[in-house]
Every structure is written in structure tokens, then in C-alpha cells.
Amino acid sequence: MTFYAWTISKPGRQDIKKISDLDELRDYLRVLDLPGVAPPEFVTIDAEVHDHGTYTHNEGSMDEWSLTWTKVDGETEVID
């Protein structure tokens, strides 16, 4: 199973930082009901996800939020 370290940021709110698989990240994006649409690789179940990246929705607007992710190496010990 592949894990990602990720952060969801929205101005005026505390960042959400987690290490999880893609299913849990997708659940967070769905439950948070952020404005707009999440990046396609996190909406489409079988889409390829890059090892790392940043997505910003409506930068500079009241609806701004961002997602940053990095693939965690399978050899890396995760301490929660």
C-alpha cells in the first residue's frame, strides 16, 4: 500500500496534516466539502497520482485552499 504525507490548508483555519493512503485523503477532501473541485487525481479512483505536488484552488480569493502531498517511501518508518 502507498502512503502520502499531506497537508490541506485554508486561510483562517488550522492546517490538516496527516500521513495516510489515498482513500483516507479522498475521504477528507469529500467530507470537508471545500469550494471547487479537488485535483482530478484525487477525485478519480484509478487516476495516477504523482509522487509529490501542490494544488491551490482560487489563489488569492475567499475560496482559496491548497493541498500539498509527498509520497512516503515504503522503507520509511511512520511515527504517528
PDB file of N, CA and C in Angstrom:
ATOM      1  N   MET A   1       0.848  -1.168   0.000  1.00  0.00           N
ATOM      2  CA  MET A   1       0.000   0.000   0.000  1.00  0.00           C
ATOM      3  C   MET A   1       0.902   1.242   0.000  1.00  0.00           C
ATOM      4  N   THR A   2       0.492   2.252  -0.717  1.00  0.00           N
ATOM      5  CA  THR A   2       1.248   3.500  -0.823  1.00  0.00           C
ATOM      6  C   THR A   2       0.676   4.532   0.141  1.00  0.00           C
ATOM      7  N   PHE A   3       1.573   5.215   0.840  1.00  0.00           N
ATOM      8  CA  PHE A   3       1.165   6.259   1.776  1.00  0.00           C
ATOM      9  C   PHE A   3       1.712   7.605   1.334  1.00  0.00           C
ATOM     10  N   TYR A   4       0.979   8.639   1.699  1.00  0.00           N
ATOM     11  CA  TYR A   4       1.355  10.011   1.373  1.00  0.00           C
ATOM     12  C   TYR A   4       1.296  10.856   2.642  1.00  0.00           C
ATOM     13  N   ALA A   5       2.267  11.749   2.789  1.00  0.00           N
ATOM     14  CA  ALA A   5       2.192  12.795   3.803  1.00  0.00           C
ATOM     15  C   ALA A   5       1.528  13.972   3.105  1.00  0.00           C
ATOM     16  N   TRP A   6       0.478  14.515   3.699  1.00  0.00           N
ATOM     17  CA  TRP A   6      -0.257  15.582   3.019  1.00  0.00           C
ATOM     18  C   TRP A   6      -0.749  16.634   4.003  1.00  0.00           C
ATOM     19  N   THR A   7      -0.985  17.820   3.446  1.00  0.00           N
ATOM     20  CA  THR A   7      -1.492  18.947   4.221  1.00  0.00           C
ATOM     21  C   THR A   7      -2.572  19.652   3.410  1.00  0.00           C
ATOM     22  N   ILE A   8      -3.706  19.898   4.057  1.00  0.00           N
ATOM     23  CA  ILE A   8      -4.759  20.718   3.465  1.00  0.00           C
ATOM     24  C   ILE A   8      -4.751  22.036   4.234  1.00  0.00           C
ATOM     25  N   SER A   9      -4.613  23.137   3.504  1.00  0.00           N
ATOM     26  CA  SER A   9      -4.556  24.470   4.121  1.00  0.00           C
ATOM     27  C   SER A   9      -5.665  25.350   3.572  1.00  0.00           C
ATOM     28  N   LYS A  10      -6.269  26.106   4.471  1.00  0.00           N
ATOM     29  CA  LYS A  10      -7.271  27.103   4.081  1.00  0.00           C
ATOM     30  C   LYS A  10      -7.033  28.316   4.974  1.00  0.00           C
ATOM     31  N   PRO A  11      -6.845  29.496   4.375  1.00  0.00           N
ATOM     32  CA  PRO A  11      -6.608  30.691   5.178  1.00  0.00           C
ATOM     33  C   PRO A  11      -7.674  30.864   6.265  1.00  0.00           C
ATOM     34  N   GLY A  12      -7.209  31.164   7.478  1.00  0.00           N
ATOM     35  CA  GLY A  12      -8.129  31.363   8.592  1.00  0.00           C
ATOM     36  C   GLY A  12      -8.493  30.090   9.334  1.00  0.00           C
ATOM     37  N   ARG A  13      -7.988  28.953   8.890  1.00  0.00           N
ATOM     38  CA  ARG A  13      -8.252  27.667   9.544  1.00  0.00           C
ATOM     39  C   ARG A  13      -6.933  26.968   9.843  1.00  0.00           C
ATOM     40  N   GLN A  14      -6.962  26.086  10.825  1.00  0.00           N
ATOM     41  CA  GLN A  14      -5.775  25.314  11.153  1.00  0.00           C
ATOM     42  C   GLN A  14      -5.528  24.283  10.058  1.00  0.00           C
ATOM     43  N   ASP A  15      -4.258  24.105   9.672  1.00  0.00           N
ATOM     44  CA  ASP A  15      -3.910  23.116   8.656  1.00  0.00           C
ATOM     45  C   ASP A  15      -4.240  21.712   9.140  1.00  0.00           C
ATOM     46  N   ILE A  16      -4.619  20.866   8.212  1.00  0.00           N
ATOM     47  CA  ILE A  16      -4.815  19.447   8.497  1.00  0.00           C
ATOM     48  C   ILE A  16      -3.611  18.722   7.911  1.00  0.00           C
ATOM     49  N   LYS A  17      -2.833  18.062   8.769  1.00  0.00           N
ATOM     50  CA  LYS A  17      -1.627  17.354   8.343  1.00  0.00           C
ATOM     51  C   LYS A  17      -1.766  15.891   8.737  1.00  0.00           C
ATOM     52  N   LYS A  18      -1.571  15.014   7.755  1.00  0.00           N
ATOM     53  CA  LYS A  18      -1.735  13.580   8.007  1.00  0.00           C
ATOM     54  C   LYS A  18      -0.764  12.784   7.147  1.00  0.00           C
ATOM     55  N   ILE A  19      -0.612  11.535   7.508  1.00  0.00           N
ATOM     56  CA  ILE A  19       0.032  10.533   6.663  1.00  0.00           C
ATOM     57  C   ILE A  19      -0.977   9.418   6.531  1.00  0.00           C
ATOM     58  N   SER A  20      -1.366   9.125   5.301  1.00  0.00           N
ATOM     59  CA  SER A  20      -2.397   8.112   5.082  1.00  0.00           C
ATOM     60  C   SER A  20      -2.312   7.586   3.659  1.00  0.00           C
ATOM     61  N   ASP A  21      -3.183   6.630   3.375  1.00  0.00           N
ATOM     62  CA  ASP A  21      -3.301   6.160   1.993  1.00  0.00           C
ATOM     63  C   ASP A  21      -4.222   7.122   1.235  1.00  0.00           C
ATOM     64  N   LEU A  22      -4.339   6.921  -0.063  1.00  0.00           N
ATOM     65  CA  LEU A  22      -5.140   7.823  -0.897  1.00  0.00           C
ATOM     66  C   LEU A  22      -6.620   7.787  -0.545  1.00  0.00           C
ATOM     67  N   ASP A  23      -7.126   6.631  -0.129  1.00  0.00           N
ATOM     68  CA  ASP A  23      -8.549   6.548   0.213  1.00  0.00           C
ATOM     69  C   ASP A  23      -8.892   7.488   1.363  1.00  0.00           C
ATOM     70  N   GLU A  24      -8.030   7.545   2.381  1.00  0.00           N
ATOM     71  CA  GLU A  24      -8.309   8.434   3.512  1.00  0.00           C
ATOM     72  C   GLU A  24      -8.204   9.898   3.082  1.00  0.00           C
ATOM     73  N   LEU A  25      -7.233  10.226   2.244  1.00  0.00           N
ATOM     74  CA  LEU A  25      -7.117  11.594   1.736  1.00  0.00           C
ATOM     75  C   LEU A  25      -8.363  11.967   0.942  1.00  0.00           C
ATOM     76  N   ARG A  26      -8.819  11.082   0.100  1.00  0.00           N
ATOM     77  CA  ARG A  26     -10.040  11.347  -0.681  1.00  0.00           C
ATOM     78  C   ARG A  26     -11.241  11.559   0.236  1.00  0.00           C
ATOM     79  N   ASP A  27     -11.322  10.771   1.311  1.00  0.00           N
ATOM     80  CA  ASP A  27     -12.407  10.937   2.279  1.00  0.00           C
ATOM     81  C   ASP A  27     -12.372  12.332   2.902  1.00  0.00           C
ATOM     82  N   TYR A  28     -11.184  12.793   3.305  1.00  0.00           N
ATOM     83  CA  TYR A  28     -11.054  14.130   3.876  1.00  0.00           C
ATOM     84  C   TYR A  28     -11.523  15.193   2.880  1.00  0.00           C
ATOM     85  N   LEU A  29     -11.097  15.086   1.638  1.00  0.00           N
ATOM     86  CA  LEU A  29     -11.489  16.071   0.634  1.00  0.00           C
ATOM     87  C   LEU A  29     -13.004  16.082   0.430  1.00  0.00           C
ATOM     88  N   ARG A  30     -13.623  14.924   0.495  1.00  0.00           N
ATOM     89  CA  ARG A  30     -15.069  14.828   0.320  1.00  0.00           C
ATOM     90  C   ARG A  30     -15.806  15.397   1.534  1.00  0.00           C
ATOM     91  N   VAL A  31     -15.400  15.019   2.732  1.00  0.00           N
ATOM     92  CA  VAL A  31     -16.079  15.429   3.957  1.00  0.00           C
ATOM     93  C   VAL A  31     -15.909  16.922   4.223  1.00  0.00           C
ATOM     94  N   LEU A  32     -14.733  17.472   3.922  1.00  0.00           N
ATOM     95  CA  LEU A  32     -14.500  18.899   4.155  1.00  0.00           C
ATOM     96  C   LEU A  32     -15.355  19.769   3.245  1.00  0.00           C
ATOM     97  N   ASP A  33     -15.790  19.224   2.127  1.00  0.00           N
ATOM     98  CA  ASP A  33     -16.667  19.943   1.198  1.00  0.00           C
ATOM     99  C   ASP A  33     -16.108  21.328   0.867  1.00  0.00           C
ATOM    100  N   LEU A  34     -14.838  21.340   0.464  1.00  0.00           N
ATOM    101  CA  LEU A  34     -14.171  22.588   0.101  1.00  0.00           C
ATOM    102  C   LEU A  34     -14.748  23.132  -1.196  1.00  0.00           C
ATOM    103  N   PRO A  35     -14.680  24.452  -1.395  1.00  0.00           N
ATOM    104  CA  PRO A  35     -15.203  25.028  -2.636  1.00  0.00           C
ATOM    105  C   PRO A  35     -14.429  24.509  -3.846  1.00  0.00           C
ATOM    106  N   GLY A  36     -15.114  24.390  -4.952  1.00  0.00           N
ATOM    107  CA  GLY A  36     -14.470  23.927  -6.185  1.00  0.00           C
ATOM    108  C   GLY A  36     -14.299  22.423  -6.191  1.00  0.00           C
ATOM    109  N   VAL A  37     -13.409  21.981  -7.043  1.00  0.00           N
ATOM    110  CA  VAL A  37     -13.176  20.548  -7.217  1.00  0.00           C
ATOM    111  C   VAL A  37     -11.724  20.243  -6.877  1.00  0.00           C
ATOM    112  N   ALA A  38     -11.504  19.143  -6.183  1.00  0.00           N
ATOM    113  CA  ALA A  38     -10.144  18.707  -5.861  1.00  0.00           C
ATOM    114  C   ALA A  38      -9.417  18.324  -7.150  1.00  0.00           C
ATOM    115  N   PRO A  39      -8.100  18.233  -7.107  1.00  0.00           N
ATOM    116  CA  PRO A  39      -7.348  17.818  -8.296  1.00  0.00           C
ATOM    117  C   PRO A  39      -7.876  16.477  -8.820  1.00  0.00           C
ATOM    118  N   PRO A  40      -7.927  16.301 -10.139  1.00  0.00           N
ATOM    119  CA  PRO A  40      -8.507  15.087 -10.728  1.00  0.00           C
ATOM    120  C   PRO A  40      -7.927  13.782 -10.185  1.00  0.00           C
ATOM    121  N   GLU A  41      -6.629  13.750  -9.894  1.00  0.00           N
ATOM    122  CA  GLU A  41      -6.033  12.502  -9.405  1.00  0.00           C
ATOM    123  C   GLU A  41      -6.561  12.105  -8.030  1.00  0.00           C
ATOM    124  N   PHE A  42      -7.208  13.027  -7.319  1.00  0.00           N
ATOM    125  CA  PHE A  42      -7.767  12.697  -6.013  1.00  0.00           C
ATOM    126  C   PHE A  42      -9.271  12.510  -6.057  1.00  0.00           C
ATOM    127  N   VAL A  43      -9.855  12.724  -7.201  1.00  0.00           N
ATOM    128  CA  VAL A  43     -11.291  12.533  -7.367  1.00  0.00           C
ATOM    129  C   VAL A  43     -11.560  11.214  -8.088  1.00  0.00           C
ATOM    130  N   THR A  44     -10.743  10.906  -9.074  1.00  0.00           N
ATOM    131  CA  THR A  44     -10.899   9.696  -9.874  1.00  0.00           C
ATOM    132  C   THR A  44     -10.139   8.558  -9.205  1.00  0.00           C
ATOM    133  N   ILE A  45     -10.835   7.488  -8.900  1.00  0.00           N
ATOM    134  CA  ILE A  45     -10.271   6.378  -8.133  1.00  0.00           C
ATOM    135  C   ILE A  45      -9.024   5.780  -8.781  1.00  0.00           C
ATOM    136  N   ASP A  46      -9.034   5.522 -10.077  1.00  0.00           N
ATOM    137  CA  ASP A  46      -7.923   4.832 -10.730  1.00  0.00           C
ATOM    138  C   ASP A  46      -6.901   5.760 -11.373  1.00  0.00           C
ATOM    139  N   ALA A  47      -6.981   7.051 -11.078  1.00  0.00           N
ATOM    140  CA  ALA A  47      -6.056   8.004 -11.690  1.00  0.00           C
ATOM    141  C   ALA A  47      -4.662   7.861 -11.083  1.00  0.00           C
ATOM    142  N   GLU A  48      -3.652   8.163 -11.893  1.00  0.00           N
ATOM    143  CA  GLU A  48      -2.274   8.124 -11.424  1.00  0.00           C
ATOM    144  C   GLU A  48      -1.999   9.370 -10.586  1.00  0.00           C
ATOM    145  N   VAL A  49      -1.358   9.182  -9.437  1.00  0.00           N
ATOM    146  CA  VAL A  49      -1.024  10.289  -8.550  1.00  0.00           C
ATOM    147  C   VAL A  49       0.491  10.464  -8.567  1.00  0.00           C
ATOM    148  N   HIS A  50       0.948  11.689  -8.791  1.00  0.00           N
ATOM    149  CA  HIS A  50       2.378  11.978  -8.794  1.00  0.00           C
ATOM    150  C   HIS A  50       2.956  11.776  -7.397  1.00  0.00           C
ATOM    151  N   ASP A  51       4.260  11.557  -7.322  1.00  0.00           N
ATOM    152  CA  ASP A  51       4.919  11.321  -6.043  1.00  0.00           C
ATOM    153  C   ASP A  51       4.823  12.516  -5.100  1.00  0.00           C
ATOM    154  N   HIS A  52       4.740  13.717  -5.653  1.00  0.00           N
ATOM    155  CA  HIS A  52       4.607  14.907  -4.818  1.00  0.00           C
ATOM    156  C   HIS A  52       3.995  16.029  -5.652  1.00  0.00           C
ATOM    157  N   GLY A  53       3.455  17.007  -4.965  1.00  0.00           N
ATOM    158  CA  GLY A  53       2.890  18.138  -5.687  1.00  0.00           C
ATOM    159  C   GLY A  53       2.146  19.078  -4.778  1.00  0.00           C
ATOM    160  N   THR A  54       1.678  20.166  -5.367  1.00  0.00           N
ATOM    161  CA  THR A  54       0.874  21.163  -4.670  1.00  0.00           C
ATOM    162  C   THR A  54      -0.242  21.602  -5.607  1.00  0.00           C
ATOM    163  N   TYR A  55      -1.428  21.704  -5.058  1.00  0.00           N
ATOM    164  CA  TYR A  55      -2.582  22.195  -5.796  1.00  0.00           C
ATOM    165  C   TYR A  55      -3.165  23.352  -4.995  1.00  0.00           C
ATOM    166  N   THR A  56      -3.425  24.469  -5.644  1.00  0.00           N
ATOM    167  CA  THR A  56      -4.066  25.603  -4.986  1.00  0.00           C
ATOM    168  C   THR A  56      -5.328  25.963  -5.757  1.00  0.00           C
ATOM    169  N   HIS A  57      -6.438  26.029  -5.043  1.00  0.00           N
ATOM    170  CA  HIS A  57      -7.722  26.390  -5.635  1.00  0.00           C
ATOM    171  C   HIS A  57      -7.965  27.876  -5.420  1.00  0.00           C
ATOM    172  N   ASN A  58      -8.206  28.619  -6.506  1.00  0.00           N
ATOM    173  CA  ASN A  58      -8.557  30.046  -6.477  1.00  0.00           C
ATOM    174  C   ASN A  58      -7.624  30.883  -5.600  1.00  0.00           C
ATOM    175  N   GLU A  59      -6.333  30.810  -5.898  1.00  0.00           N
ATOM    176  CA  GLU A  59      -5.339  31.550  -5.123  1.00  0.00           C
ATOM    177  C   GLU A  59      -5.698  33.034  -5.046  1.00  0.00           C
ATOM    178  N   GLY A  60      -5.672  33.582  -3.823  1.00  0.00           N
ATOM    179  CA  GLY A  60      -5.955  34.993  -3.605  1.00  0.00           C
ATOM    180  C   GLY A  60      -7.420  35.324  -3.399  1.00  0.00           C
ATOM    181  N   SER A  61      -8.300  34.347  -3.579  1.00  0.00           N
ATOM    182  CA  SER A  61      -9.733  34.617  -3.410  1.00  0.00           C
ATOM    183  C   SER A  61     -10.199  34.155  -2.024  1.00  0.00           C
ATOM    184  N   MET A  62     -11.436  34.440  -1.695  1.00  0.00           N
ATOM    185  CA  MET A  62     -12.007  33.987  -0.419  1.00  0.00           C
ATOM    186  C   MET A  62     -12.181  32.476  -0.387  1.00  0.00           C
ATOM    187  N   ASP A  63     -12.229  31.846  -1.560  1.00  0.00           N
ATOM    188  CA  ASP A  63     -12.408  30.394  -1.659  1.00  0.00           C
ATOM    189  C   ASP A  63     -11.087  29.636  -1.684  1.00  0.00           C
ATOM    190  N   GLU A  64      -9.970  30.319  -1.476  1.00  0.00           N
ATOM    191  CA  GLU A  64      -8.656  29.672  -1.608  1.00  0.00           C
ATOM    192  C   GLU A  64      -8.472  28.541  -0.594  1.00  0.00           C
ATOM    193  N   TRP A  65      -7.911  27.456  -1.076  1.00  0.00           N
ATOM    194  CA  TRP A  65      -7.433  26.358  -0.230  1.00  0.00           C
ATOM    195  C   TRP A  65      -6.366  25.621  -1.019  1.00  0.00           C
ATOM    196  N   SER A  66      -5.527  24.865  -0.321  1.00  0.00           N
ATOM    197  CA  SER A  66      -4.461  24.160  -1.024  1.00  0.00           C
ATOM    198  C   SER A  66      -4.236  22.773  -0.447  1.00  0.00           C
ATOM    199  N   LEU A  67      -3.673  21.933  -1.277  1.00  0.00           N
ATOM    200  CA  LEU A  67      -3.309  20.567  -0.911  1.00  0.00           C
ATOM    201  C   LEU A  67      -1.865  20.358  -1.346  1.00  0.00           C
ATOM    202  N   THR A  68      -1.041  19.902  -0.413  1.00  0.00           N
ATOM    203  CA  THR A  68       0.341  19.554  -0.708  1.00  0.00           C
ATOM    204  C   THR A  68       0.529  18.104  -0.302  1.00  0.00           C
ATOM    205  N   TRP A  69       1.192  17.309  -1.151  1.00  0.00           N
ATOM    206  CA  TRP A  69       1.384  15.900  -0.838  1.00  0.00           C
ATOM    207  C   TRP A  69       2.768  15.432  -1.264  1.00  0.00           C
ATOM    208  N   THR A  70       3.244  14.390  -0.571  1.00  0.00           N
ATOM    209  CA  THR A  70       4.516  13.750  -0.872  1.00  0.00           C
ATOM    210  C   THR A  70       4.378  12.269  -0.580  1.00  0.00           C
ATOM    211  N   LYS A  71       4.782  11.458  -1.522  1.00  0.00           N
ATOM    212  CA  LYS A  71       4.749  10.013  -1.335  1.00  0.00           C
ATOM    213  C   LYS A  71       5.770   9.640  -0.271  1.00  0.00           C
ATOM    214  N   VAL A  72       5.364   8.775   0.658  1.00  0.00           N
ATOM    215  CA  VAL A  72       6.250   8.312   1.704  1.00  0.00           C
ATOM    216  C   VAL A  72       6.857   6.999   1.253  1.00  0.00           C
ATOM    217  N   ASP A  73       8.167   6.923   1.256  1.00  0.00           N
ATOM    218  CA  ASP A  73       8.908   5.730   0.851  1.00  0.00           C
ATOM    219  C   ASP A  73       8.489   4.544   1.735  1.00  0.00           C
ATOM    220  N   GLY A  74       8.280   3.401   1.130  1.00  0.00           N
ATOM    221  CA  GLY A  74       7.896   2.195   1.850  1.00  0.00           C
ATOM    222  C   GLY A  74       8.887   1.767   2.912  1.00  0.00           C
ATOM    223  N   GLU A  75      10.119   2.243   2.826  1.00  0.00           N
ATOM    224  CA  GLU A  75      11.152   1.909   3.793  1.00  0.00           C
ATOM    225  C   GLU A  75      11.164   2.867   4.975  1.00  0.00           C
ATOM    226  N   THR A  76      10.429   3.967   4.888  1.00  0.00           N
ATOM    227  CA  THR A  76      10.422   4.979   5.928  1.00  0.00           C
ATOM    228  C   THR A  76       9.490   4.568   7.055  1.00  0.00           C
ATOM    229  N   GLU A  77       9.981   4.643   8.295  1.00  0.00           N
ATOM    230  CA  GLU A  77       9.143   4.332   9.439  1.00  0.00           C
ATOM    231  C   GLU A  77       8.248   5.533   9.722  1.00  0.00           C
ATOM    232  N   VAL A  78       6.947   5.288   9.845  1.00  0.00           N
ATOM    233  CA  VAL A  78       5.985   6.357  10.105  1.00  0.00           C
ATOM    234  C   VAL A  78       5.646   6.335  11.581  1.00  0.00           C
ATOM    235  N   ILE A  79       5.882   7.467  12.261  1.00  0.00           N
ATOM    236  CA  ILE A  79       5.559   7.584  13.677  1.00  0.00           C
ATOM    237  C   ILE A  79       4.394   8.560  13.788  1.00  0.00           C
ATOM    238  N   ASP A  80       3.290   8.095  14.293  1.00  0.00           N
ATOM    239  CA  ASP A  80       2.065   8.904  14.355  1.00  0.00           C
ATOM    240  C   ASP A  80       1.971   9.687  15.631  1.00  0.00           C
TER     241      ASP A  80
END
